[in-house]
Amino acid sequence: MIRTVFLNATSLIVLASSAASYATETTPPTQEQRVDNRQARQSARIDQGIASGEVTRREQHRLQHQQNHIQRLENRVKADGTVTRKEAFRVEKAQDQASSSIARQKHDRQDRP
């Protein structure tokens, strides 16, 4: 059985706009978005460590200082309007080191009383 579908102009516009919005929703995040998302996740990990008592005040200050350093680095990298691969690598490396520090501080035997 063959079904014939007639679409009017309004239906075509709705279909086209749906397809366009779907295409924009599935685009991969930019370098800036990835860095910002990762910064947010790392800050949440620090906050969770503070709330659970896994991170002491001294560790908290050190980890927050590290996050601030990464933010300043990101701002310097974006200052000229273009982010080179080398600059992106530096930011990612700093984030990798911060992530390791967070994990190490959360899982050491020092707890907040």
C-alpha atoms as a PDB file:
ATOM      1  CA  MET A   1       0.000   0.000   0.000  1.00  0.00           C
ATOM      2  CA  ILE A   2       1.474   3.344  -1.037  1.00  0.00           C
ATOM      3  CA  ARG A   3       0.637   6.348   1.058  1.00  0.00           C
ATOM      4  CA  THR A   4       0.706   9.772  -0.541  1.00  0.00           C
ATOM      5  CA  VAL A   5       1.578  12.671   1.722  1.00  0.00           C
ATOM      6  CA  PHE A   6       0.788  16.209   0.773  1.00  0.00           C
ATOM      7  CA  LEU A   7       2.685  18.916   2.595  1.00  0.00           C
ATOM      8  CA  ASN A   8       1.667  22.511   2.499  1.00  0.00           C
ATOM      9  CA  ALA A   9       4.130  25.387   2.712  1.00  0.00           C
ATOM     10  CA  THR A  10       3.716  25.741   6.479  1.00  0.00           C
ATOM     11  CA  SER A  11       4.565  22.076   7.069  1.00  0.00           C
ATOM     12  CA  LEU A  12       7.680  22.395   4.942  1.00  0.00           C
ATOM     13  CA  ILE A  13       8.846  25.430   6.920  1.00  0.00           C
ATOM     14  CA  VAL A  14       8.296  23.611  10.217  1.00  0.00           C
ATOM     15  CA  LEU A  15      10.209  20.581   8.918  1.00  0.00           C
ATOM     16  CA  ALA A  16      13.067  22.739   7.675  1.00  0.00           C
ATOM     17  CA  SER A  17      13.347  24.673  10.921  1.00  0.00           C
ATOM     18  CA  SER A  18      13.260  21.418  12.915  1.00  0.00           C
ATOM     19  CA  ALA A  19      16.082  20.020  10.839  1.00  0.00           C
ATOM     20  CA  ALA A  20      18.090  23.212  11.225  1.00  0.00           C
ATOM     21  CA  SER A  21      17.658  23.286  14.984  1.00  0.00           C
ATOM     22  CA  TYR A  22      18.599  19.604  15.207  1.00  0.00           C
ATOM     23  CA  ALA A  23      21.766  20.309  13.225  1.00  0.00           C
ATOM     24  CA  THR A  24      22.794  23.121  15.535  1.00  0.00           C
ATOM     25  CA  GLU A  25      22.085  21.046  18.656  1.00  0.00           C
ATOM     26  CA  THR A  26      24.415  18.268  17.564  1.00  0.00           C
ATOM     27  CA  THR A  27      27.419  20.366  16.641  1.00  0.00           C
ATOM     28  CA  PRO A  28      30.479  19.523  18.702  1.00  0.00           C
ATOM     29  CA  PRO A  29      31.483  22.015  21.382  1.00  0.00           C
ATOM     30  CA  THR A  30      34.212  24.512  20.632  1.00  0.00           C
ATOM     31  CA  GLN A  31      37.541  24.517  22.447  1.00  0.00           C
ATOM     32  CA  GLU A  32      36.315  27.362  24.652  1.00  0.00           C
ATOM     33  CA  GLN A  33      33.145  25.466  25.580  1.00  0.00           C
ATOM     34  CA  ARG A  34      35.121  22.310  26.387  1.00  0.00           C
ATOM     35  CA  VAL A  35      37.500  24.252  28.628  1.00  0.00           C
ATOM     36  CA  ASP A  36      34.625  26.045  30.375  1.00  0.00           C
ATOM     37  CA  ASN A  37      32.687  22.808  30.864  1.00  0.00           C
ATOM     38  CA  ARG A  38      35.724  21.077  32.291  1.00  0.00           C
ATOM     39  CA  GLN A  39      36.436  24.010  34.617  1.00  0.00           C
ATOM     40  CA  ALA A  40      32.856  23.786  35.886  1.00  0.00           C
ATOM     41  CA  ARG A  41      33.143  20.026  36.452  1.00  0.00           C
ATOM     42  CA  GLN A  42      36.427  20.431  38.307  1.00  0.00           C
ATOM     43  CA  SER A  43      35.003  23.174  40.515  1.00  0.00           C
ATOM     44  CA  ALA A  44      32.044  20.907  41.282  1.00  0.00           C
ATOM     45  CA  ARG A  45      34.464  18.120  42.248  1.00  0.00           C
ATOM     46  CA  ILE A  46      36.265  20.489  44.620  1.00  0.00           C
ATOM     47  CA  ASP A  47      32.954  21.626  46.129  1.00  0.00           C
ATOM     48  CA  GLN A  48      31.865  18.011  46.580  1.00  0.00           C
ATOM     49  CA  GLY A  49      35.169  17.235  48.308  1.00  0.00           C
ATOM     50  CA  ILE A  50      34.659  20.175  50.651  1.00  0.00           C
ATOM     51  CA  ALA A  51      31.085  19.139  51.429  1.00  0.00           C
ATOM     52  CA  SER A  52      32.077  15.544  52.184  1.00  0.00           C
ATOM     53  CA  GLY A  53      35.110  16.577  54.238  1.00  0.00           C
ATOM     54  CA  GLU A  54      37.582  14.853  51.903  1.00  0.00           C
ATOM     55  CA  VAL A  55      39.314  18.171  51.185  1.00  0.00           C
ATOM     56  CA  THR A  56      40.847  20.241  53.980  1.00  0.00           C
ATOM     57  CA  ARG A  57      40.790  24.052  53.979  1.00  0.00           C
ATOM     58  CA  ARG A  58      44.445  24.209  53.005  1.00  0.00           C
ATOM     59  CA  GLU A  59      43.856  21.801  50.098  1.00  0.00           C
ATOM     60  CA  GLN A  60      40.786  23.791  49.101  1.00  0.00           C
ATOM     61  CA  HIS A  61      42.792  27.010  48.841  1.00  0.00           C
ATOM     62  CA  ARG A  62      45.507  25.293  46.838  1.00  0.00           C
ATOM     63  CA  LEU A  63      42.990  23.724  44.425  1.00  0.00           C
ATOM     64  CA  GLN A  64      41.073  26.998  44.019  1.00  0.00           C
ATOM     65  CA  HIS A  65      44.363  28.801  43.325  1.00  0.00           C
ATOM     66  CA  GLN A  66      45.078  26.219  40.626  1.00  0.00           C
ATOM     67  CA  GLN A  67      41.628  26.789  39.073  1.00  0.00           C
ATOM     68  CA  ASN A  68      42.200  30.557  39.110  1.00  0.00           C
ATOM     69  CA  HIS A  69      45.558  30.040  37.381  1.00  0.00           C
ATOM     70  CA  ILE A  70      43.856  28.041  34.626  1.00  0.00           C
ATOM     71  CA  GLN A  71      41.225  30.765  34.207  1.00  0.00           C
ATOM     72  CA  ARG A  72      43.925  33.451  33.863  1.00  0.00           C
ATOM     73  CA  LEU A  73      45.774  31.237  31.376  1.00  0.00           C
ATOM     74  CA  GLU A  74      42.591  30.798  29.354  1.00  0.00           C
ATOM     75  CA  ASN A  75      41.991  34.556  29.366  1.00  0.00           C
ATOM     76  CA  ARG A  76      45.546  35.227  28.120  1.00  0.00           C
ATOM     77  CA  VAL A  77      45.186  32.606  25.399  1.00  0.00           C
ATOM     78  CA  LYS A  78      41.912  34.116  24.152  1.00  0.00           C
ATOM     79  CA  ALA A  79      43.153  37.710  24.371  1.00  0.00           C
ATOM     80  CA  ASP A  80      44.362  37.920  20.763  1.00  0.00           C
ATOM     81  CA  GLY A  81      41.187  36.323  19.351  1.00  0.00           C
ATOM     82  CA  THR A  82      42.719  33.081  18.103  1.00  0.00           C
ATOM     83  CA  VAL A  83      43.681  29.983  20.029  1.00  0.00           C
ATOM     84  CA  THR A  84      46.520  28.032  18.479  1.00  0.00           C
ATOM     85  CA  ARG A  85      46.952  24.301  18.981  1.00  0.00           C
ATOM     86  CA  LYS A  86      49.945  24.930  21.197  1.00  0.00           C
ATOM     87  CA  GLU A  87      47.948  27.294  23.412  1.00  0.00           C
ATOM     88  CA  ALA A  88      45.028  24.872  23.599  1.00  0.00           C
ATOM     89  CA  PHE A  89      47.455  22.115  24.567  1.00  0.00           C
ATOM     90  CA  ARG A  90      48.867  24.279  27.395  1.00  0.00           C
ATOM     91  CA  VAL A  91      45.380  24.898  28.792  1.00  0.00           C
ATOM     92  CA  GLU A  92      44.475  21.211  28.541  1.00  0.00           C
ATOM     93  CA  LYS A  93      47.720  20.201  30.221  1.00  0.00           C
ATOM     94  CA  ALA A  94      47.042  22.611  33.084  1.00  0.00           C
ATOM     95  CA  GLN A  95      43.547  21.167  33.418  1.00  0.00           C
ATOM     96  CA  ASP A  96      44.945  17.622  33.415  1.00  0.00           C
ATOM     97  CA  GLN A  97      47.320  18.541  36.229  1.00  0.00           C
ATOM     98  CA  ALA A  98      44.505  20.187  38.177  1.00  0.00           C
ATOM     99  CA  SER A  99      42.314  17.126  37.722  1.00  0.00           C
ATOM    100  CA  SER A 100      45.072  14.895  39.082  1.00  0.00           C
ATOM    101  CA  SER A 101      45.557  17.240  42.031  1.00  0.00           C
ATOM    102  CA  ILE A 102      41.845  17.172  42.822  1.00  0.00           C
ATOM    103  CA  ALA A 103      41.762  13.381  42.739  1.00  0.00           C
ATOM    104  CA  ARG A 104      44.896  13.120  44.842  1.00  0.00           C
ATOM    105  CA  GLN A 105      43.624  15.561  47.468  1.00  0.00           C
ATOM    106  CA  LYS A 106      40.196  13.954  47.652  1.00  0.00           C
ATOM    107  CA  HIS A 107      41.631  10.487  48.169  1.00  0.00           C
ATOM    108  CA  ASP A 108      44.496  11.188  50.520  1.00  0.00           C
ATOM    109  CA  ARG A 109      44.085  10.346  54.174  1.00  0.00           C
ATOM    110  CA  GLN A 110      43.609  13.954  55.239  1.00  0.00           C
ATOM    111  CA  ASP A 111      40.029  14.802  56.117  1.00  0.00           C
ATOM    112  CA  ARG A 112      38.414  17.957  57.387  1.00  0.00           C
ATOM    113  CA  PRO A 113      37.358  17.491  61.022  1.00  0.00           C
END
